[in-house]
Amino acid sequence: MVDKSATHETDAKKPTSPTTEPLDTLKQLQEAGFGNMMGMSKAWIESLSDLSAEMASFVAERIKEDVKTQHEILHCKNVGDIQRIQARFIQKAMDQYHDETGKLVEMSTKAFVPKVPKNKS
């Protein structure tokens, strides 16, 4: 059986505050091999935010297409219409995923390639 009083004593000695917890997390990530994360630039963090927003927007658009297609299928009168709707849905999805992949690759490249300042001569 674990002596609970011993664990409470060590926990009581360790001060925690909302400001030290994120720093502890960064320290753990650094120790895990992620390097010095304090050097993350504002531009890099903004790029990650832009990537997240882009992906969320894409998923929302795809959900709209799913709902639209389901609505069309529910109102079909024959099997031929269903086949055409499904074929159009698949083709549009493939096109959108292809385009989105290209956009995300481009955004990622810009986010992770350091910008070198131009020398003024």
N, C-alpha and C. Protein backbone atom coordinates (compact mmCIF):
# COMPACT_ATOMS: atom_id res chain seq x y z
N MET A 1 0.84 -1.18 0.00
CA MET A 1 0.00 0.00 0.00
C MET A 1 0.88 1.25 0.00
N VAL A 2 0.49 2.25 -0.71
CA VAL A 2 1.27 3.48 -0.82
C VAL A 2 0.94 4.40 0.34
N ASP A 3 1.99 4.97 0.92
CA ASP A 3 1.81 5.93 2.01
C ASP A 3 1.41 7.27 1.40
N LYS A 4 0.14 7.65 1.55
CA LYS A 4 -0.39 8.87 0.94
C LYS A 4 0.22 10.13 1.54
N SER A 5 0.62 10.09 2.79
CA SER A 5 1.18 11.28 3.42
C SER A 5 2.51 11.66 2.78
N ALA A 6 3.27 10.67 2.32
CA ALA A 6 4.56 10.96 1.67
C ALA A 6 4.35 11.66 0.33
N THR A 7 3.35 11.23 -0.42
CA THR A 7 3.11 11.86 -1.72
C THR A 7 2.57 13.26 -1.56
N HIS A 8 1.78 13.48 -0.53
CA HIS A 8 1.24 14.82 -0.32
C HIS A 8 2.33 15.79 0.11
N GLU A 9 3.33 15.32 0.85
CA GLU A 9 4.41 16.21 1.27
C GLU A 9 5.22 16.68 0.08
N THR A 10 5.53 15.77 -0.86
CA THR A 10 6.32 16.18 -2.02
C THR A 10 5.52 17.08 -2.94
N ASP A 11 4.22 16.81 -3.05
CA ASP A 11 3.37 17.67 -3.88
C ASP A 11 3.24 19.06 -3.27
N ALA A 12 3.19 19.12 -1.95
CA ALA A 12 3.02 20.40 -1.28
C ALA A 12 4.26 21.27 -1.43
N LYS A 13 5.43 20.66 -1.52
CA LYS A 13 6.68 21.41 -1.64
C LYS A 13 6.86 21.98 -3.05
N LYS A 14 6.21 21.38 -4.03
CA LYS A 14 6.38 21.80 -5.42
C LYS A 14 5.34 22.86 -5.77
N PRO A 15 5.77 24.14 -5.86
CA PRO A 15 4.79 25.19 -6.17
C PRO A 15 4.38 25.11 -7.65
N THR A 16 3.10 25.22 -7.88
CA THR A 16 2.61 25.26 -9.26
C THR A 16 1.74 26.49 -9.43
N SER A 17 1.85 27.05 -10.59
CA SER A 17 1.01 28.19 -10.93
C SER A 17 0.70 28.11 -12.40
N PRO A 18 -0.30 28.81 -12.86
CA PRO A 18 -0.64 28.78 -14.29
C PRO A 18 0.52 29.21 -15.18
N THR A 19 1.43 30.03 -14.65
CA THR A 19 2.54 30.50 -15.49
C THR A 19 3.67 29.49 -15.56
N THR A 20 3.84 28.62 -14.57
CA THR A 20 4.93 27.65 -14.61
C THR A 20 4.56 26.39 -15.37
N GLU A 21 3.29 26.06 -15.45
CA GLU A 21 2.89 24.83 -16.13
C GLU A 21 3.26 24.84 -17.61
N PRO A 22 3.00 25.88 -18.40
CA PRO A 22 3.42 25.88 -19.80
C PRO A 22 4.95 25.78 -19.95
N LEU A 23 5.66 26.42 -19.04
CA LEU A 23 7.12 26.34 -19.11
C LEU A 23 7.60 24.93 -18.82
N ASP A 24 6.95 24.25 -17.90
CA ASP A 24 7.30 22.86 -17.62
C ASP A 24 7.04 21.99 -18.85
N THR A 25 5.95 22.26 -19.53
CA THR A 25 5.62 21.51 -20.74
C THR A 25 6.68 21.73 -21.82
N LEU A 26 7.09 22.99 -22.02
CA LEU A 26 8.13 23.28 -23.00
C LEU A 26 9.44 22.59 -22.62
N LYS A 27 9.76 22.59 -21.35
CA LYS A 27 10.99 21.93 -20.89
C LYS A 27 10.94 20.44 -21.19
N GLN A 28 9.79 19.82 -20.96
CA GLN A 28 9.64 18.40 -21.26
C GLN A 28 9.79 18.13 -22.75
N LEU A 29 9.22 18.99 -23.58
CA LEU A 29 9.36 18.82 -25.03
C LEU A 29 10.81 18.98 -25.47
N GLN A 30 11.52 19.94 -24.87
CA GLN A 30 12.92 20.14 -25.20
C GLN A 30 13.73 18.90 -24.83
N GLU A 31 13.45 18.35 -23.66
CA GLU A 31 14.15 17.15 -23.22
C GLU A 31 13.83 15.95 -24.09
N ALA A 32 12.64 15.94 -24.69
CA ALA A 32 12.24 14.84 -25.56
C ALA A 32 12.86 14.95 -26.95
N GLY A 33 13.59 16.02 -27.21
CA GLY A 33 14.28 16.13 -28.47
C GLY A 33 13.71 17.15 -29.43
N PHE A 34 12.81 17.98 -28.99
CA PHE A 34 12.23 18.99 -29.86
C PHE A 34 13.06 20.26 -29.92
N GLY A 35 14.15 20.32 -29.19
CA GLY A 35 15.02 21.49 -29.23
C GLY A 35 14.44 22.67 -28.49
N ASN A 36 15.07 23.80 -28.67
CA ASN A 36 14.67 25.01 -27.97
C ASN A 36 13.42 25.59 -28.63
N MET A 37 12.29 25.40 -27.98
CA MET A 37 11.04 25.87 -28.54
C MET A 37 10.77 27.33 -28.21
N MET A 38 11.58 27.90 -27.35
CA MET A 38 11.40 29.31 -27.02
C MET A 38 11.73 30.18 -28.23
N GLY A 39 12.46 29.65 -29.19
CA GLY A 39 12.86 30.42 -30.35
C GLY A 39 11.82 30.46 -31.45
N MET A 40 10.64 29.89 -31.21
CA MET A 40 9.60 29.91 -32.25
C MET A 40 9.23 31.36 -32.55
N SER A 41 9.21 31.66 -33.79
CA SER A 41 8.90 33.03 -34.16
C SER A 41 7.40 33.24 -34.30
N LYS A 42 7.03 34.49 -34.22
CA LYS A 42 5.62 34.86 -34.37
C LYS A 42 5.11 34.43 -35.75
N ALA A 43 5.95 34.59 -36.76
CA ALA A 43 5.54 34.23 -38.13
C ALA A 43 5.28 32.74 -38.25
N TRP A 44 6.10 31.93 -37.58
CA TRP A 44 5.94 30.49 -37.64
C TRP A 44 4.63 30.08 -36.97
N ILE A 45 4.35 30.65 -35.82
CA ILE A 45 3.12 30.32 -35.10
C ILE A 45 1.91 30.79 -35.91
N GLU A 46 2.00 31.95 -36.55
CA GLU A 46 0.91 32.42 -37.40
C GLU A 46 0.70 31.48 -38.59
N SER A 47 1.80 30.95 -39.14
CA SER A 47 1.69 30.01 -40.25
C SER A 47 0.97 28.75 -39.82
N LEU A 48 1.29 28.26 -38.63
CA LEU A 48 0.59 27.07 -38.12
C LEU A 48 -0.88 27.36 -37.90
N SER A 49 -1.18 28.54 -37.44
CA SER A 49 -2.57 28.95 -37.24
C SER A 49 -3.30 29.00 -38.59
N ASP A 50 -2.63 29.54 -39.60
CA ASP A 50 -3.22 29.61 -40.94
C ASP A 50 -3.48 28.21 -41.49
N LEU A 51 -2.54 27.28 -41.26
CA LEU A 51 -2.73 25.90 -41.71
C LEU A 51 -3.94 25.28 -41.03
N SER A 52 -4.06 25.49 -39.74
CA SER A 52 -5.20 24.94 -39.00
C SER A 52 -6.52 25.52 -39.51
N ALA A 53 -6.54 26.82 -39.74
CA ALA A 53 -7.75 27.46 -40.24
C ALA A 53 -8.11 26.94 -41.63
N GLU A 54 -7.11 26.74 -42.46
CA GLU A 54 -7.34 26.23 -43.81
C GLU A 54 -7.93 24.82 -43.76
N MET A 55 -7.37 23.98 -42.91
CA MET A 55 -7.88 22.61 -42.80
C MET A 55 -9.31 22.59 -42.25
N ALA A 56 -9.59 23.43 -41.28
CA ALA A 56 -10.94 23.50 -40.72
C ALA A 56 -11.93 23.97 -41.78
N SER A 57 -11.54 24.95 -42.57
CA SER A 57 -12.39 25.46 -43.64
C SER A 57 -12.66 24.37 -44.68
N PHE A 58 -11.62 23.62 -45.03
CA PHE A 58 -11.77 22.55 -46.01
C PHE A 58 -12.73 21.47 -45.50
N VAL A 59 -12.56 21.07 -44.26
CA VAL A 59 -13.44 20.05 -43.69
C VAL A 59 -14.88 20.54 -43.67
N ALA A 60 -15.09 21.79 -43.30
CA ALA A 60 -16.44 22.35 -43.29
C ALA A 60 -17.06 22.33 -44.70
N GLU A 61 -16.25 22.67 -45.70
CA GLU A 61 -16.74 22.65 -47.09
C GLU A 61 -17.09 21.23 -47.52
N ARG A 62 -16.27 20.26 -47.14
CA ARG A 62 -16.55 18.86 -47.50
C ARG A 62 -17.82 18.37 -46.81
N ILE A 63 -18.06 18.78 -45.58
CA ILE A 63 -19.28 18.37 -44.88
C ILE A 63 -20.50 18.95 -45.58
N LYS A 64 -20.40 20.20 -46.05
CA LYS A 64 -21.51 20.80 -46.81
C LYS A 64 -21.81 19.98 -48.06
N GLU A 65 -20.74 19.54 -48.74
CA GLU A 65 -20.93 18.71 -49.95
C GLU A 65 -21.58 17.38 -49.60
N ASP A 66 -21.19 16.79 -48.48
CA ASP A 66 -21.79 15.52 -48.05
C ASP A 66 -23.29 15.69 -47.82
N VAL A 67 -23.65 16.74 -47.10
CA VAL A 67 -25.07 16.99 -46.79
C VAL A 67 -25.85 17.27 -48.07
N LYS A 68 -25.27 18.08 -48.95
CA LYS A 68 -25.93 18.40 -50.22
C LYS A 68 -26.18 17.12 -51.04
N THR A 69 -25.18 16.26 -51.10
CA THR A 69 -25.30 15.02 -51.86
C THR A 69 -26.35 14.10 -51.24
N GLN A 70 -26.35 13.98 -49.93
CA GLN A 70 -27.36 13.14 -49.27
C GLN A 70 -28.76 13.66 -49.56
N HIS A 71 -28.91 14.97 -49.54
CA HIS A 71 -30.22 15.58 -49.85
C HIS A 71 -30.64 15.24 -51.28
N GLU A 72 -29.70 15.35 -52.22
CA GLU A 72 -30.02 15.03 -53.62
C GLU A 72 -30.40 13.56 -53.77
N ILE A 73 -29.68 12.68 -53.09
CA ILE A 73 -29.97 11.24 -53.20
C ILE A 73 -31.35 10.92 -52.62
N LEU A 74 -31.71 11.57 -51.52
CA LEU A 74 -33.02 11.33 -50.91
C LEU A 74 -34.17 11.72 -51.83
N HIS A 75 -33.93 12.65 -52.74
CA HIS A 75 -34.98 13.11 -53.64
C HIS A 75 -34.91 12.49 -55.04
N CYS A 76 -34.09 11.48 -55.20
CA CYS A 76 -33.96 10.81 -56.50
C CYS A 76 -35.19 9.97 -56.82
N LYS A 77 -35.48 9.89 -58.12
CA LYS A 77 -36.62 9.10 -58.59
C LYS A 77 -36.18 7.75 -59.16
N ASN A 78 -34.90 7.63 -59.58
CA ASN A 78 -34.46 6.36 -60.15
C ASN A 78 -32.97 6.11 -59.85
N VAL A 79 -32.53 4.89 -60.13
CA VAL A 79 -31.17 4.46 -59.82
C VAL A 79 -30.14 5.22 -60.68
N GLY A 80 -30.49 5.55 -61.90
CA GLY A 80 -29.57 6.28 -62.77
C GLY A 80 -29.18 7.63 -62.18
N ASP A 81 -30.16 8.31 -61.62
CA ASP A 81 -29.88 9.61 -60.97
C ASP A 81 -28.92 9.43 -59.79
N ILE A 82 -29.15 8.40 -59.01
CA ILE A 82 -28.28 8.13 -57.85
C ILE A 82 -26.84 7.90 -58.32
N GLN A 83 -26.68 7.12 -59.37
CA GLN A 83 -25.35 6.84 -59.90
C GLN A 83 -24.65 8.11 -60.38
N ARG A 84 -25.40 8.97 -61.08
CA ARG A 84 -24.81 10.22 -61.55
C ARG A 84 -24.41 11.12 -60.37
N ILE A 85 -25.27 11.21 -59.37
CA ILE A 85 -24.97 12.04 -58.18
C ILE A 85 -23.74 11.51 -57.46
N GLN A 86 -23.67 10.19 -57.30
CA GLN A 86 -22.51 9.61 -56.61
C GLN A 86 -21.23 9.82 -57.41
N ALA A 87 -21.30 9.64 -58.72
CA ALA A 87 -20.12 9.83 -59.56
C ALA A 87 -19.64 11.28 -59.50
N ARG A 88 -20.60 12.23 -59.57
CA ARG A 88 -20.24 13.65 -59.46
C ARG A 88 -19.63 13.96 -58.10
N PHE A 89 -20.20 13.37 -57.04
CA PHE A 89 -19.70 13.58 -55.68
C PHE A 89 -18.26 13.08 -55.55
N ILE A 90 -18.00 11.89 -56.04
CA ILE A 90 -16.65 11.31 -55.95
C ILE A 90 -15.65 12.15 -56.74
N GLN A 91 -16.02 12.55 -57.95
CA GLN A 91 -15.10 13.35 -58.77
C GLN A 91 -14.81 14.69 -58.11
N LYS A 92 -15.84 15.34 -57.59
CA LYS A 92 -15.63 16.63 -56.94
C LYS A 92 -14.76 16.47 -55.70
N ALA A 93 -15.00 15.42 -54.93
CA ALA A 93 -14.19 15.17 -53.73
C ALA A 93 -12.72 14.96 -54.10
N MET A 94 -12.48 14.17 -55.14
CA MET A 94 -11.09 13.92 -55.57
C MET A 94 -10.43 15.22 -56.02
N ASP A 95 -11.15 16.03 -56.76
CA ASP A 95 -10.61 17.30 -57.22
C ASP A 95 -10.31 18.23 -56.05
N GLN A 96 -11.24 18.31 -55.10
CA GLN A 96 -11.05 19.19 -53.96
C GLN A 96 -9.90 18.71 -53.07
N TYR A 97 -9.81 17.41 -52.83
CA TYR A 97 -8.69 16.89 -52.03
C TYR A 97 -7.36 17.13 -52.73
N HIS A 98 -7.33 16.98 -54.04
CA HIS A 98 -6.10 17.24 -54.80
C HIS A 98 -5.69 18.70 -54.67
N ASP A 99 -6.63 19.59 -54.88
CA ASP A 99 -6.34 21.03 -54.78
C ASP A 99 -5.92 21.41 -53.37
N GLU A 100 -6.61 20.87 -52.38
CA GLU A 100 -6.31 21.21 -50.98
C GLU A 100 -4.93 20.69 -50.58
N THR A 101 -4.58 19.52 -51.04
CA THR A 101 -3.25 18.98 -50.74
C THR A 101 -2.17 19.90 -51.28
N GLY A 102 -2.35 20.36 -52.51
CA GLY A 102 -1.38 21.29 -53.09
C GLY A 102 -1.29 22.58 -52.30
N LYS A 103 -2.44 23.10 -51.88
CA LYS A 103 -2.47 24.34 -51.10
C LYS A 103 -1.77 24.14 -49.75
N LEU A 104 -2.03 23.01 -49.07
CA LEU A 104 -1.40 22.76 -47.77
C LEU A 104 0.10 22.53 -47.89
N VAL A 105 0.52 21.87 -48.96
CA VAL A 105 1.96 21.68 -49.18
C VAL A 105 2.64 23.04 -49.37
N GLU A 106 2.03 23.89 -50.16
CA GLU A 106 2.59 25.23 -50.38
C GLU A 106 2.64 26.04 -49.08
N MET A 107 1.55 26.00 -48.32
CA MET A 107 1.53 26.72 -47.05
C MET A 107 2.57 26.16 -46.07
N SER A 108 2.70 24.84 -46.03
CA SER A 108 3.67 24.20 -45.14
C SER A 108 5.10 24.57 -45.52
N THR A 109 5.35 24.60 -46.81
CA THR A 109 6.68 24.96 -47.28
C THR A 109 7.03 26.37 -46.83
N LYS A 110 6.10 27.27 -46.97
CA LYS A 110 6.33 28.65 -46.55
C LYS A 110 6.51 28.74 -45.03
N ALA A 111 5.80 27.90 -44.29
CA ALA A 111 5.87 27.95 -42.82
C ALA A 111 7.19 27.39 -42.29
N PHE A 112 7.74 26.38 -42.95
CA PHE A 112 8.88 25.69 -42.39
C PHE A 112 10.21 26.01 -43.06
N VAL A 113 10.19 26.79 -44.12
CA VAL A 113 11.43 27.23 -44.75
C VAL A 113 11.77 28.60 -44.19
N PRO A 114 12.94 28.71 -43.56
CA PRO A 114 13.28 30.01 -42.96
C PRO A 114 13.42 31.08 -44.03
N LYS A 115 12.95 32.26 -43.69
CA LYS A 115 13.07 33.38 -44.61
C LYS A 115 14.40 34.06 -44.36
N VAL A 116 15.18 34.18 -45.42
CA VAL A 116 16.48 34.80 -45.31
C VAL A 116 16.33 36.26 -45.72
N PRO A 117 16.73 37.18 -44.84
CA PRO A 117 16.61 38.59 -45.21
C PRO A 117 17.54 38.93 -46.36
N LYS A 118 17.07 39.82 -47.23
CA LYS A 118 17.89 40.24 -48.37
C LYS A 118 18.92 41.25 -47.89
N ASN A 119 20.13 41.11 -48.45
CA ASN A 119 21.20 42.07 -48.13
C ASN A 119 20.97 43.35 -48.90
N LYS A 120 21.10 44.44 -48.21
CA LYS A 120 20.98 45.75 -48.89
C LYS A 120 22.37 46.15 -49.35
N SER A 121 22.54 46.23 -50.65
CA SER A 121 23.86 46.59 -51.19
C SER A 121 23.86 47.96 -51.78
